[in-house]
Amino acid sequence: QNCDLAQQSIVHIVQSPQKSRQKKDETEDNHAGGFLKGLEREPESLTRVDLSASILPSLSEGLAVILDTADKSISLPSDKSGAASYNSFYVFCKSFCQAVKPGKLRVRCSVCKQGTLTLARGPSCWEDVLIPNRITGVCQSQGCNGSIAEFYFKCGAHPTSASETSVALNLITTNSRCITCVTCTDIRSPVLVFQCMHRHVICLDCFHLYCVTMLNDRQFIHDPELGYSLPCVAGCPDSLIKELHHFRILGEEQYNRYQRYGAEECVLQMGGVLCPTPGCGAGLLPEPGVRKIVCEPSNALGCGFVFCRECKEEYHEGECSSLLSTHGAVAQ
């Protein structure tokens, strides 16, 4: 009961070789510098791996006035339920919870996809987990020569099937160092850590408010490689959030609006136009220089409206009336 295994975890038992085989293996191990012995050591539980130290700053300078944290009575808010102290990872559970939840880190062989890989070493930073081919091992499945570890995540809030995985939110972590939020100066947990030079920390409530405010003002940034994202709340350079699933914190309705705005911004960046009909807003990519735009109905999109590319009014010959009235006002 106290072996630190979450529900529906699979324990793979590897039988020890026979004594006659052991002598041969020991000889081979000596020639290999004991490499295989290191691989056969029992790895630490992935449930207890804590990568927060690789992203949390040692200290934090907030936008607001930072409270005096020298008071020893300040302690990290904690959840008293169950194994909350082991919530080192957070995921967005799309299938069942539809929310940000504590996650479980799992590993499998990249070849046979079985959880029978003995790791050469455990992960020590997020790069070890997110970047392929960083950690090697020996697959114990019969007939498999796999040697590359493949990490994945599951939601820790409910039982999951073997094929069910969740997206890791690598910027969200337990606030193990009691760092104040960069905006409200409260000490909260979990928090989101921006990947800027200062590693500014923001609580999830403030991050939600930040996202909604920027979304209402359409101040998200469209990056050609990353997509529709936000930088650090302090405006730090080179701090755009790369994993866009973090914006799932917005909730279903706001996240749908975020996706729509992102698609619209992408169309505009490509030189396209948006249909001006209320309730439509379909993205169109007409040829350069074409004034007559038809919002072609296709795949449940498009309303059939024909409009002028310049003034976004119903299509007409000659100059746009709005442009003529503007020129007249300037002349007066």
C-alpha atoms as a PDB file:
ATOM      1  CA  GLN A   1       0.000   0.000   0.000  1.00  0.00           C
ATOM      2  CA  ASN A   2       2.916   2.360   0.612  1.00  0.00           C
ATOM      3  CA  CYS A   3       4.980   1.479  -2.458  1.00  0.00           C
ATOM      4  CA  ASP A   4       4.258   4.835  -4.152  1.00  0.00           C
ATOM      5  CA  LEU A   5       2.430   3.398  -7.169  1.00  0.00           C
ATOM      6  CA  ALA A   6      -0.613   5.194  -8.524  1.00  0.00           C
ATOM      7  CA  GLN A   7      -3.724   3.366  -9.635  1.00  0.00           C
ATOM      8  CA  GLN A   8      -3.393   0.936 -12.549  1.00  0.00           C
ATOM      9  CA  SER A   9       0.401   1.151 -12.622  1.00  0.00           C
ATOM     10  CA  ILE A  10       2.151  -1.908 -14.066  1.00  0.00           C
ATOM     11  CA  VAL A  11       5.069  -3.456 -12.207  1.00  0.00           C
ATOM     12  CA  HIS A  12       7.483  -5.333 -14.469  1.00  0.00           C
ATOM     13  CA  ILE A  13       9.488  -8.025 -12.663  1.00  0.00           C
ATOM     14  CA  VAL A  14      12.754  -9.011 -14.299  1.00  0.00           C
ATOM     15  CA  GLN A  15      13.989 -12.440 -13.214  1.00  0.00           C
ATOM     16  CA  SER A  16      17.618 -12.775 -12.200  1.00  0.00           C
ATOM     17  CA  PRO A  17      19.797 -14.838 -14.571  1.00  0.00           C
ATOM     18  CA  GLN A  18      20.837 -18.362 -13.549  1.00  0.00           C
ATOM     19  CA  LYS A  19      24.085 -18.783 -11.659  1.00  0.00           C
ATOM     20  CA  SER A  20      25.870 -20.271 -14.651  1.00  0.00           C
ATOM     21  CA  ARG A  21      24.776 -17.336 -16.714  1.00  0.00           C
ATOM     22  CA  GLN A  22      25.797 -14.897 -13.983  1.00  0.00           C
ATOM     23  CA  LYS A  23      29.460 -15.893 -14.168  1.00  0.00           C
ATOM     24  CA  LYS A  24      29.518 -15.257 -17.892  1.00  0.00           C
ATOM     25  CA  ASP A  25      27.750 -11.939 -17.459  1.00  0.00           C
ATOM     26  CA  GLU A  26      30.184 -10.881 -14.730  1.00  0.00           C
ATOM     27  CA  THR A  27      33.095 -11.535 -17.075  1.00  0.00           C
ATOM     28  CA  GLU A  28      31.434  -9.500 -19.812  1.00  0.00           C
ATOM     29  CA  ASP A  29      30.616  -6.737 -17.349  1.00  0.00           C
ATOM     30  CA  ASN A  30      34.244  -6.499 -16.277  1.00  0.00           C
ATOM     31  CA  HIS A  31      35.306  -6.024 -19.892  1.00  0.00           C
ATOM     32  CA  ALA A  32      32.588  -3.404 -20.363  1.00  0.00           C
ATOM     33  CA  GLY A  33      33.673  -1.451 -17.309  1.00  0.00           C
ATOM     34  CA  GLY A  34      30.647  -2.492 -15.307  1.00  0.00           C
ATOM     35  CA  PHE A  35      28.297  -0.591 -17.647  1.00  0.00           C
ATOM     36  CA  LEU A  36      25.539  -3.180 -17.570  1.00  0.00           C
ATOM     37  CA  LYS A  37      25.655  -3.366 -13.793  1.00  0.00           C
ATOM     38  CA  GLY A  38      24.836   0.304 -13.667  1.00  0.00           C
ATOM     39  CA  LEU A  39      21.903  -0.251 -15.985  1.00  0.00           C
ATOM     40  CA  GLU A  40      20.519  -3.100 -13.878  1.00  0.00           C
ATOM     41  CA  ARG A  41      20.299  -1.039 -10.704  1.00  0.00           C
ATOM     42  CA  GLU A  42      16.752  -0.408  -9.635  1.00  0.00           C
ATOM     43  CA  PRO A  43      15.847   3.162 -10.695  1.00  0.00           C
ATOM     44  CA  GLU A  44      14.137   5.581  -8.362  1.00  0.00           C
ATOM     45  CA  SER A  45      10.376   5.842  -8.714  1.00  0.00           C
ATOM     46  CA  LEU A  46       9.392   8.232 -11.504  1.00  0.00           C
ATOM     47  CA  THR A  47       6.539   9.359  -9.266  1.00  0.00           C
ATOM     48  CA  ARG A  48       9.066  10.976  -6.937  1.00  0.00           C
ATOM     49  CA  VAL A  49      11.146  12.682  -9.643  1.00  0.00           C
ATOM     50  CA  ASP A  50      11.042  16.453  -9.059  1.00  0.00           C
ATOM     51  CA  LEU A  51      12.088  18.710 -11.941  1.00  0.00           C
ATOM     52  CA  SER A  52      10.933  21.961 -10.331  1.00  0.00           C
ATOM     53  CA  ALA A  53      14.506  22.856  -9.400  1.00  0.00           C
ATOM     54  CA  SER A  54      15.374  23.039 -13.103  1.00  0.00           C
ATOM     55  CA  ILE A  55      12.834  25.810 -13.802  1.00  0.00           C
ATOM     56  CA  LEU A  56      12.181  27.658 -10.519  1.00  0.00           C
ATOM     57  CA  PRO A  57      14.432  30.670  -9.861  1.00  0.00           C
ATOM     58  CA  SER A  58      16.504  30.850  -6.700  1.00  0.00           C
ATOM     59  CA  LEU A  59      14.877  34.216  -5.990  1.00  0.00           C
ATOM     60  CA  SER A  60      12.193  36.320  -7.638  1.00  0.00           C
ATOM     61  CA  GLU A  61      11.817  40.023  -8.380  1.00  0.00           C
ATOM     62  CA  GLY A  62       8.173  40.887  -8.892  1.00  0.00           C
ATOM     63  CA  LEU A  63       6.436  43.689 -10.737  1.00  0.00           C
ATOM     64  CA  ALA A  64       4.609  44.671  -7.576  1.00  0.00           C
ATOM     65  CA  VAL A  65       6.233  45.450  -4.239  1.00  0.00           C
ATOM     66  CA  ILE A  66       7.751  42.213  -2.967  1.00  0.00           C
ATOM     67  CA  LEU A  67       6.781  41.340   0.567  1.00  0.00           C
ATOM     68  CA  ASP A  68       9.430  40.627   3.145  1.00  0.00           C
ATOM     69  CA  THR A  69       9.849  36.853   2.977  1.00  0.00           C
ATOM     70  CA  ALA A  70      12.327  36.675   5.826  1.00  0.00           C
ATOM     71  CA  ASP A  71       9.466  35.769   8.136  1.00  0.00           C
ATOM     72  CA  LYS A  72      10.033  32.127   9.024  1.00  0.00           C
ATOM     73  CA  SER A  73       6.326  31.650   9.652  1.00  0.00           C
ATOM     74  CA  ILE A  74       5.590  31.799   5.914  1.00  0.00           C
ATOM     75  CA  SER A  75       4.968  28.315   4.610  1.00  0.00           C
ATOM     76  CA  LEU A  76       3.907  26.890   1.296  1.00  0.00           C
ATOM     77  CA  PRO A  77       0.152  26.302   0.972  1.00  0.00           C
ATOM     78  CA  SER A  78      -0.382  22.595   0.672  1.00  0.00           C
ATOM     79  CA  ASP A  79      -3.182  20.215  -0.118  1.00  0.00           C
ATOM     80  CA  LYS A  80      -3.698  17.751   2.711  1.00  0.00           C
ATOM     81  CA  SER A  81      -5.320  15.141   0.523  1.00  0.00           C
ATOM     82  CA  GLY A  82      -3.401  11.987  -0.260  1.00  0.00           C
ATOM     83  CA  ALA A  83      -0.082  12.217  -2.058  1.00  0.00           C
ATOM     84  CA  ALA A  84      -0.219  15.936  -2.794  1.00  0.00           C
ATOM     85  CA  SER A  85       3.413  16.315  -1.732  1.00  0.00           C
ATOM     86  CA  TYR A  86       4.411  14.273  -4.783  1.00  0.00           C
ATOM     87  CA  ASN A  87       2.663  16.509  -7.356  1.00  0.00           C
ATOM     88  CA  SER A  88       5.825  17.245  -9.315  1.00  0.00           C
ATOM     89  CA  PHE A  89       4.122  17.263 -12.728  1.00  0.00           C
ATOM     90  CA  TYR A  90       0.991  18.848 -14.122  1.00  0.00           C
ATOM     91  CA  VAL A  91      -0.923  17.933 -17.256  1.00  0.00           C
ATOM     92  CA  PHE A  92      -4.030  19.005 -19.092  1.00  0.00           C
ATOM     93  CA  CYS A  93      -6.475  16.106 -18.958  1.00  0.00           C
ATOM     94  CA  LYS A  94      -8.591  16.490 -22.084  1.00  0.00           C
ATOM     95  CA  SER A  95     -10.498  13.211 -22.015  1.00  0.00           C
ATOM     96  CA  PHE A  96     -12.005  13.069 -18.526  1.00  0.00           C
ATOM     97  CA  CYS A  97     -11.233  16.023 -16.244  1.00  0.00           C
ATOM     98  CA  GLN A  98     -11.112  18.809 -18.850  1.00  0.00           C
ATOM     99  CA  ALA A  99      -8.790  20.684 -16.499  1.00  0.00           C
ATOM    100  CA  VAL A 100      -5.212  21.079 -15.281  1.00  0.00           C
ATOM    101  CA  LYS A 101      -4.440  18.154 -12.989  1.00  0.00           C
ATOM    102  CA  PRO A 102      -1.426  16.541 -11.296  1.00  0.00           C
ATOM    103  CA  GLY A 103       0.275  14.170 -13.702  1.00  0.00           C
ATOM    104  CA  LYS A 104       2.195  10.901 -13.575  1.00  0.00           C
ATOM    105  CA  LEU A 105       5.467  10.486 -15.451  1.00  0.00           C
ATOM    106  CA  ARG A 106       5.884   7.144 -17.204  1.00  0.00           C
ATOM    107  CA  VAL A 107       8.573   5.637 -19.433  1.00  0.00           C
ATOM    108  CA  ARG A 108       8.538   2.944 -22.095  1.00  0.00           C
ATOM    109  CA  CYS A 109      10.802   1.463 -24.725  1.00  0.00           C
ATOM    110  CA  SER A 110      10.725   3.526 -27.912  1.00  0.00           C
ATOM    111  CA  VAL A 111      10.768   0.347 -30.027  1.00  0.00           C
ATOM    112  CA  CYS A 112       8.262  -2.077 -28.480  1.00  0.00           C
ATOM    113  CA  LYS A 113       6.325   0.593 -26.508  1.00  0.00           C
ATOM    114  CA  GLN A 114       6.391  -1.592 -23.385  1.00  0.00           C
ATOM    115  CA  GLY A 115       7.240  -0.315 -19.912  1.00  0.00           C
ATOM    116  CA  THR A 116      10.088  -2.798 -19.547  1.00  0.00           C
ATOM    117  CA  LEU A 117      12.992  -0.415 -20.088  1.00  0.00           C
ATOM    118  CA  THR A 118      15.655  -0.225 -17.375  1.00  0.00           C
ATOM    119  CA  LEU A 119      17.038   3.320 -17.427  1.00  0.00           C
ATOM    120  CA  ALA A 120      20.746   4.098 -17.387  1.00  0.00           C
ATOM    121  CA  ARG A 121      19.875   7.163 -15.303  1.00  0.00           C
ATOM    122  CA  GLY A 122      16.795   9.034 -14.210  1.00  0.00           C
ATOM    123  CA  PRO A 123      15.693  12.355 -15.747  1.00  0.00           C
ATOM    124  CA  SER A 124      17.167  15.423 -14.045  1.00  0.00           C
ATOM    125  CA  CYS A 125      15.576  18.236 -16.076  1.00  0.00           C
ATOM    126  CA  TRP A 126      12.658  18.820 -18.431  1.00  0.00           C
ATOM    127  CA  GLU A 127      14.920  18.519 -21.464  1.00  0.00           C
ATOM    128  CA  ASP A 128      15.572  14.896 -20.491  1.00  0.00           C
ATOM    129  CA  VAL A 129      11.836  14.225 -20.619  1.00  0.00           C
ATOM    130  CA  LEU A 130      10.702  16.343 -23.575  1.00  0.00           C
ATOM    131  CA  ILE A 131      13.604  15.920 -26.014  1.00  0.00           C
ATOM    132  CA  PRO A 132      13.791  12.451 -27.638  1.00  0.00           C
ATOM    133  CA  ASN A 133      16.896  10.256 -27.412  1.00  0.00           C
ATOM    134  CA  ARG A 134      18.276  11.972 -24.308  1.00  0.00           C
ATOM    135  CA  ILE A 135      18.229   8.946 -21.993  1.00  0.00           C
ATOM    136  CA  THR A 136      19.125   5.368 -22.849  1.00  0.00           C
ATOM    137  CA  GLY A 137      18.571   2.029 -21.175  1.00  0.00           C
ATOM    138  CA  VAL A 138      18.097  -1.681 -21.774  1.00  0.00           C
ATOM    139  CA  CYS A 139      14.717  -3.132 -22.744  1.00  0.00           C
ATOM    140  CA  GLN A 140      13.904  -6.308 -20.814  1.00  0.00           C
ATOM    141  CA  SER A 141      11.205  -7.489 -23.252  1.00  0.00           C
ATOM    142  CA  GLN A 142      12.113 -10.762 -24.919  1.00  0.00           C
ATOM    143  CA  GLY A 143      13.391 -10.247 -28.449  1.00  0.00           C
ATOM    144  CA  CYS A 144      13.529  -6.442 -28.198  1.00  0.00           C
ATOM    145  CA  ASN A 145      16.828  -4.609 -28.578  1.00  0.00           C
ATOM    146  CA  GLY A 146      15.423  -1.174 -27.782  1.00  0.00           C
ATOM    147  CA  SER A 147      17.747   1.180 -25.935  1.00  0.00           C
ATOM    148  CA  ILE A 148      16.021   4.588 -26.097  1.00  0.00           C
ATOM    149  CA  ALA A 149      13.666   5.826 -23.386  1.00  0.00           C
ATOM    150  CA  GLU A 150      10.345   7.382 -24.383  1.00  0.00           C
ATOM    151  CA  PHE A 151       8.678   9.419 -21.640  1.00  0.00           C
ATOM    152  CA  TYR A 152       4.977  10.212 -21.505  1.00  0.00           C
ATOM    153  CA  PHE A 153       2.416  11.488 -19.009  1.00  0.00           C
ATOM    154  CA  LYS A 154      -0.901  10.354 -17.606  1.00  0.00           C
ATOM    155  CA  CYS A 155      -3.496  12.180 -15.558  1.00  0.00           C
ATOM    156  CA  GLY A 156      -3.051  11.393 -11.879  1.00  0.00           C
ATOM    157  CA  ALA A 157      -6.604  12.300 -10.893  1.00  0.00           C
ATOM    158  CA  HIS A 158      -8.328   9.156 -12.182  1.00  0.00           C
ATOM    159  CA  PRO A 159      -7.592   5.633 -13.483  1.00  0.00           C
ATOM    160  CA  THR A 160      -6.355   5.605 -17.080  1.00  0.00           C
ATOM    161  CA  SER A 161      -6.175   3.030 -19.848  1.00  0.00           C
ATOM    162  CA  ALA A 162      -2.882   1.877 -21.324  1.00  0.00           C
ATOM    163  CA  SER A 163      -3.269   4.097 -24.398  1.00  0.00           C
ATOM    164  CA  GLU A 164      -4.529   7.211 -22.612  1.00  0.00           C
ATOM    165  CA  THR A 165      -1.943   9.980 -22.274  1.00  0.00           C
ATOM    166  CA  SER A 166      -2.040  13.688 -21.419  1.00  0.00           C
ATOM    167  CA  VAL A 167      -0.024  16.719 -22.501  1.00  0.00           C
ATOM    168  CA  ALA A 168       2.608  17.803 -19.993  1.00  0.00           C
ATOM    169  CA  LEU A 169       2.468  21.450 -18.895  1.00  0.00           C
ATOM    170  CA  ASN A 170       6.167  21.860 -18.246  1.00  0.00           C
ATOM    171  CA  LEU A 171       5.938  25.493 -17.088  1.00  0.00           C
ATOM    172  CA  ILE A 172       3.548  24.644 -14.238  1.00  0.00           C
ATOM    173  CA  THR A 173       5.185  23.308 -11.104  1.00  0.00           C
ATOM    174  CA  THR A 174       4.838  23.018  -7.353  1.00  0.00           C
ATOM    175  CA  ASN A 175       6.113  26.173  -5.675  1.00  0.00           C
ATOM    176  CA  SER A 176       8.637  24.331  -3.526  1.00  0.00           C
ATOM    177  CA  ARG A 177      10.681  27.495  -2.869  1.00  0.00           C
ATOM    178  CA  CYS A 178       7.756  29.642  -1.676  1.00  0.00           C
ATOM    179  CA  ILE A 179       8.335  32.293  -4.353  1.00  0.00           C
ATOM    180  CA  THR A 180       5.864  35.169  -4.502  1.00  0.00           C
ATOM    181  CA  CYS A 181       3.668  35.716  -7.548  1.00  0.00           C
ATOM    182  CA  VAL A 182       5.104  38.409  -9.808  1.00  0.00           C
ATOM    183  CA  THR A 183       1.767  40.273  -9.941  1.00  0.00           C
ATOM    184  CA  CYS A 184      -0.186  39.741  -6.699  1.00  0.00           C
ATOM    185  CA  THR A 185       2.832  38.888  -4.453  1.00  0.00           C
ATOM    186  CA  ASP A 186       0.942  35.999  -2.834  1.00  0.00           C
ATOM    187  CA  ILE A 187       2.680  32.687  -2.218  1.00  0.00           C
ATOM    188  CA  ARG A 188       0.605  30.120  -4.092  1.00  0.00           C
ATOM    189  CA  SER A 189       1.075  26.623  -5.448  1.00  0.00           C
ATOM    190  CA  PRO A 190       1.166  25.420  -8.149  1.00  0.00           C
ATOM    191  CA  VAL A 191       2.614  28.264 -10.210  1.00  0.00           C
ATOM    192  CA  LEU A 192       3.666  28.939 -13.790  1.00  0.00           C
ATOM    193  CA  VAL A 193       7.298  29.865 -14.443  1.00  0.00           C
ATOM    194  CA  PHE A 194       8.002  31.960 -17.534  1.00  0.00           C
ATOM    195  CA  GLN A 195      11.126  30.896 -19.398  1.00  0.00           C
ATOM    196  CA  CYS A 196      12.619  34.378 -19.408  1.00  0.00           C
ATOM    197  CA  MET A 197      16.023  35.367 -18.071  1.00  0.00           C
ATOM    198  CA  HIS A 198      14.574  36.143 -14.621  1.00  0.00           C
ATOM    199  CA  ARG A 199      12.254  33.093 -14.498  1.00  0.00           C
ATOM    200  CA  HIS A 200       9.321  35.195 -13.289  1.00  0.00           C
ATOM    201  CA  VAL A 201       6.740  33.211 -11.332  1.00  0.00           C
ATOM    202  CA  ILE A 202       2.989  33.802 -11.604  1.00  0.00           C
ATOM    203  CA  CYS A 203       0.148  32.054  -9.786  1.00  0.00           C
ATOM    204  CA  LEU A 204      -2.455  30.316 -11.948  1.00  0.00           C
ATOM    205  CA  ASP A 205      -5.247  32.759 -11.038  1.00  0.00           C
ATOM    206  CA  CYS A 206      -3.152  35.723 -12.163  1.00  0.00           C
ATOM    207  CA  PHE A 207      -2.062  33.845 -15.280  1.00  0.00           C
ATOM    208  CA  HIS A 208      -5.710  33.211 -16.163  1.00  0.00           C
ATOM    209  CA  LEU A 209      -6.502  36.914 -15.707  1.00  0.00           C
ATOM    210  CA  TYR A 210      -3.445  37.878 -17.774  1.00  0.00           C
ATOM    211  CA  CYS A 211      -4.521  35.592 -20.633  1.00  0.00           C
ATOM    212  CA  VAL A 212      -8.148  36.777 -20.635  1.00  0.00           C
ATOM    213  CA  THR A 213      -7.105  40.446 -20.573  1.00  0.00           C
ATOM    214  CA  MET A 214      -4.669  40.020 -23.454  1.00  0.00           C
ATOM    215  CA  LEU A 215      -7.227  37.975 -25.379  1.00  0.00           C
ATOM    216  CA  ASN A 216      -9.912  40.646 -24.972  1.00  0.00           C
ATOM    217  CA  ASP A 217      -7.457  43.257 -26.270  1.00  0.00           C
ATOM    218  CA  ARG A 218      -6.225  40.882 -29.000  1.00  0.00           C
ATOM    219  CA  GLN A 219      -2.678  41.390 -27.758  1.00  0.00           C
ATOM    220  CA  PHE A 220      -1.513  37.809 -28.232  1.00  0.00           C
ATOM    221  CA  ILE A 221       1.544  37.544 -30.475  1.00  0.00           C
ATOM    222  CA  HIS A 222       1.493  35.439 -33.634  1.00  0.00           C
ATOM    223  CA  ASP A 223       4.859  33.718 -34.015  1.00  0.00           C
ATOM    224  CA  PRO A 224       5.504  31.912 -37.334  1.00  0.00           C
ATOM    225  CA  GLU A 225       6.992  28.911 -35.531  1.00  0.00           C
ATOM    226  CA  LEU A 226       5.185  28.773 -32.183  1.00  0.00           C
ATOM    227  CA  GLY A 227       1.750  30.084 -33.128  1.00  0.00           C
ATOM    228  CA  TYR A 228      -0.497  32.379 -31.062  1.00  0.00           C
ATOM    229  CA  SER A 229       1.262  32.938 -27.751  1.00  0.00           C
ATOM    230  CA  LEU A 230       2.103  35.321 -24.915  1.00  0.00           C
ATOM    231  CA  PRO A 231       5.423  36.489 -23.462  1.00  0.00           C
ATOM    232  CA  CYS A 232       6.319  36.900 -19.809  1.00  0.00           C
ATOM    233  CA  VAL A 233       3.877  39.164 -17.987  1.00  0.00           C
ATOM    234  CA  ALA A 234       6.829  41.461 -17.199  1.00  0.00           C
ATOM    235  CA  GLY A 235       7.501  41.955 -20.916  1.00  0.00           C
ATOM    236  CA  CYS A 236      10.813  40.100 -20.909  1.00  0.00           C
ATOM    237  CA  PRO A 237      12.340  39.454 -24.364  1.00  0.00           C
ATOM    238  CA  ASP A 238      12.450  35.960 -25.874  1.00  0.00           C
ATOM    239  CA  SER A 239       9.914  34.617 -23.388  1.00  0.00           C
ATOM    240  CA  LEU A 240       7.017  33.393 -25.545  1.00  0.00           C
ATOM    241  CA  ILE A 241       5.282  30.299 -24.173  1.00  0.00           C
ATOM    242  CA  LYS A 242       6.172  27.411 -26.485  1.00  0.00           C
ATOM    243  CA  GLU A 243       3.720  24.758 -25.294  1.00  0.00           C
ATOM    244  CA  LEU A 244       0.376  26.292 -26.268  1.00  0.00           C
ATOM    245  CA  HIS A 245      -1.613  23.800 -24.190  1.00  0.00           C
ATOM    246  CA  HIS A 246      -0.839  26.047 -21.211  1.00  0.00           C
ATOM    247  CA  PHE A 247      -3.603  28.321 -22.525  1.00  0.00           C
ATOM    248  CA  ARG A 248      -6.096  25.555 -21.733  1.00  0.00           C
ATOM    249  CA  ILE A 249      -6.171  27.272 -18.343  1.00  0.00           C
ATOM    250  CA  LEU A 250      -8.527  29.746 -20.041  1.00  0.00           C
ATOM    251  CA  GLY A 251     -11.360  27.219 -19.925  1.00  0.00           C
ATOM    252  CA  GLU A 252     -13.292  25.725 -22.828  1.00  0.00           C
ATOM    253  CA  GLU A 253     -15.184  28.838 -23.961  1.00  0.00           C
ATOM    254  CA  GLN A 254     -12.233  31.234 -23.786  1.00  0.00           C
ATOM    255  CA  TYR A 255      -9.879  28.650 -25.283  1.00  0.00           C
ATOM    256  CA  ASN A 256     -12.178  28.278 -28.304  1.00  0.00           C
ATOM    257  CA  ARG A 257     -12.048  32.058 -28.712  1.00  0.00           C
ATOM    258  CA  TYR A 258      -8.262  31.916 -28.410  1.00  0.00           C
ATOM    259  CA  GLN A 259      -8.109  29.335 -31.207  1.00  0.00           C
ATOM    260  CA  ARG A 260     -10.419  31.402 -33.416  1.00  0.00           C
ATOM    261  CA  TYR A 261      -8.391  34.568 -32.909  1.00  0.00           C
ATOM    262  CA  GLY A 262      -5.200  32.639 -33.587  1.00  0.00           C
ATOM    263  CA  ALA A 263      -6.578  31.265 -36.858  1.00  0.00           C
ATOM    264  CA  GLU A 264      -7.743  34.742 -37.901  1.00  0.00           C
ATOM    265  CA  GLU A 265      -4.353  36.258 -37.124  1.00  0.00           C
ATOM    266  CA  CYS A 266      -2.656  33.531 -39.145  1.00  0.00           C
ATOM    267  CA  VAL A 267      -4.872  34.325 -42.155  1.00  0.00           C
ATOM    268  CA  LEU A 268      -4.111  38.050 -41.894  1.00  0.00           C
ATOM    269  CA  GLN A 269      -0.374  37.378 -41.585  1.00  0.00           C
ATOM    270  CA  MET A 270      -0.573  35.372 -44.826  1.00  0.00           C
ATOM    271  CA  GLY A 271      -2.145  38.325 -46.650  1.00  0.00           C
ATOM    272  CA  GLY A 272      -5.703  37.033 -46.441  1.00  0.00           C
ATOM    273  CA  VAL A 273      -8.952  38.708 -45.390  1.00  0.00           C
ATOM    274  CA  LEU A 274     -11.814  37.886 -43.038  1.00  0.00           C
ATOM    275  CA  CYS A 275     -15.420  37.846 -44.151  1.00  0.00           C
ATOM    276  CA  PRO A 276     -17.114  40.953 -42.646  1.00  0.00           C
ATOM    277  CA  THR A 277     -20.534  39.294 -42.321  1.00  0.00           C
ATOM    278  CA  PRO A 278     -21.608  39.181 -38.644  1.00  0.00           C
ATOM    279  CA  GLY A 279     -21.464  35.612 -37.368  1.00  0.00           C
ATOM    280  CA  CYS A 280     -19.259  34.417 -40.243  1.00  0.00           C
ATOM    281  CA  GLY A 281     -15.698  35.767 -40.108  1.00  0.00           C
ATOM    282  CA  ALA A 282     -14.367  33.027 -42.396  1.00  0.00           C
ATOM    283  CA  GLY A 283     -10.706  33.362 -43.358  1.00  0.00           C
ATOM    284  CA  LEU A 284     -10.148  33.785 -47.094  1.00  0.00           C
ATOM    285  CA  LEU A 285      -6.934  33.781 -49.133  1.00  0.00           C
ATOM    286  CA  PRO A 286      -7.682  35.546 -52.444  1.00  0.00           C
ATOM    287  CA  GLU A 287      -5.075  36.330 -55.072  1.00  0.00           C
ATOM    288  CA  PRO A 288      -3.108  39.560 -54.519  1.00  0.00           C
ATOM    289  CA  GLY A 289      -4.764  42.607 -56.099  1.00  0.00           C
ATOM    290  CA  VAL A 290      -8.222  41.010 -56.407  1.00  0.00           C
ATOM    291  CA  ARG A 291     -10.933  43.379 -55.123  1.00  0.00           C
ATOM    292  CA  LYS A 292     -13.996  41.183 -55.566  1.00  0.00           C
ATOM    293  CA  ILE A 293     -13.995  38.656 -52.736  1.00  0.00           C
ATOM    294  CA  VAL A 294     -16.496  35.807 -52.562  1.00  0.00           C
ATOM    295  CA  CYS A 295     -16.995  34.033 -49.248  1.00  0.00           C
ATOM    296  CA  GLU A 296     -17.473  30.614 -50.815  1.00  0.00           C
ATOM    297  CA  PRO A 297     -19.599  28.188 -48.764  1.00  0.00           C
ATOM    298  CA  SER A 298     -17.489  25.091 -48.122  1.00  0.00           C
ATOM    299  CA  ASN A 299     -17.310  22.504 -45.318  1.00  0.00           C
ATOM    300  CA  ALA A 300     -19.917  24.324 -43.209  1.00  0.00           C
ATOM    301  CA  LEU A 301     -17.885  27.540 -43.534  1.00  0.00           C
ATOM    302  CA  GLY A 302     -18.551  30.586 -45.674  1.00  0.00           C
ATOM    303  CA  CYS A 303     -21.777  32.500 -46.147  1.00  0.00           C
ATOM    304  CA  GLY A 304     -21.701  33.376 -49.867  1.00  0.00           C
ATOM    305  CA  PHE A 305     -21.322  37.114 -49.256  1.00  0.00           C
ATOM    306  CA  VAL A 306     -19.555  39.034 -52.050  1.00  0.00           C
ATOM    307  CA  PHE A 307     -17.659  42.053 -50.751  1.00  0.00           C
ATOM    308  CA  CYS A 308     -15.022  44.621 -51.618  1.00  0.00           C
ATOM    309  CA  ARG A 309     -11.551  43.898 -50.369  1.00  0.00           C
ATOM    310  CA  GLU A 310     -10.826  47.580 -49.714  1.00  0.00           C
ATOM    311  CA  CYS A 311     -13.867  48.755 -47.728  1.00  0.00           C
ATOM    312  CA  LYS A 312     -15.338  45.370 -46.682  1.00  0.00           C
ATOM    313  CA  GLU A 313     -18.765  46.514 -47.937  1.00  0.00           C
ATOM    314  CA  GLU A 314     -20.916  44.723 -50.518  1.00  0.00           C
ATOM    315  CA  TYR A 315     -18.989  44.550 -53.767  1.00  0.00           C
ATOM    316  CA  HIS A 316     -19.273  47.571 -56.059  1.00  0.00           C
ATOM    317  CA  GLU A 317     -17.609  49.018 -59.141  1.00  0.00           C
ATOM    318  CA  GLY A 318     -15.539  52.179 -58.892  1.00  0.00           C
ATOM    319  CA  GLU A 319     -14.032  53.750 -55.811  1.00  0.00           C
ATOM    320  CA  CYS A 320     -15.267  52.893 -52.343  1.00  0.00           C
ATOM    321  CA  SER A 321     -17.833  55.310 -50.890  1.00  0.00           C
ATOM    322  CA  SER A 322     -16.105  55.247 -47.511  1.00  0.00           C
ATOM    323  CA  LEU A 323     -12.833  56.296 -49.137  1.00  0.00           C
ATOM    324  CA  LEU A 324     -14.578  59.076 -51.082  1.00  0.00           C
ATOM    325  CA  SER A 325     -16.192  60.465 -47.917  1.00  0.00           C
ATOM    326  CA  THR A 326     -12.809  60.379 -46.182  1.00  0.00           C
ATOM    327  CA  HIS A 327     -11.163  62.303 -49.025  1.00  0.00           C
ATOM    328  CA  GLY A 328     -14.017  64.831 -48.962  1.00  0.00           C
ATOM    329  CA  ALA A 329     -13.618  65.430 -45.247  1.00  0.00           C
ATOM    330  CA  VAL A 330      -9.882  65.997 -45.704  1.00  0.00           C
ATOM    331  CA  ALA A 331     -10.492  68.471 -48.553  1.00  0.00           C
ATOM    332  CA  GLN A 332     -12.881  70.525 -46.414  1.00  0.00           C
END
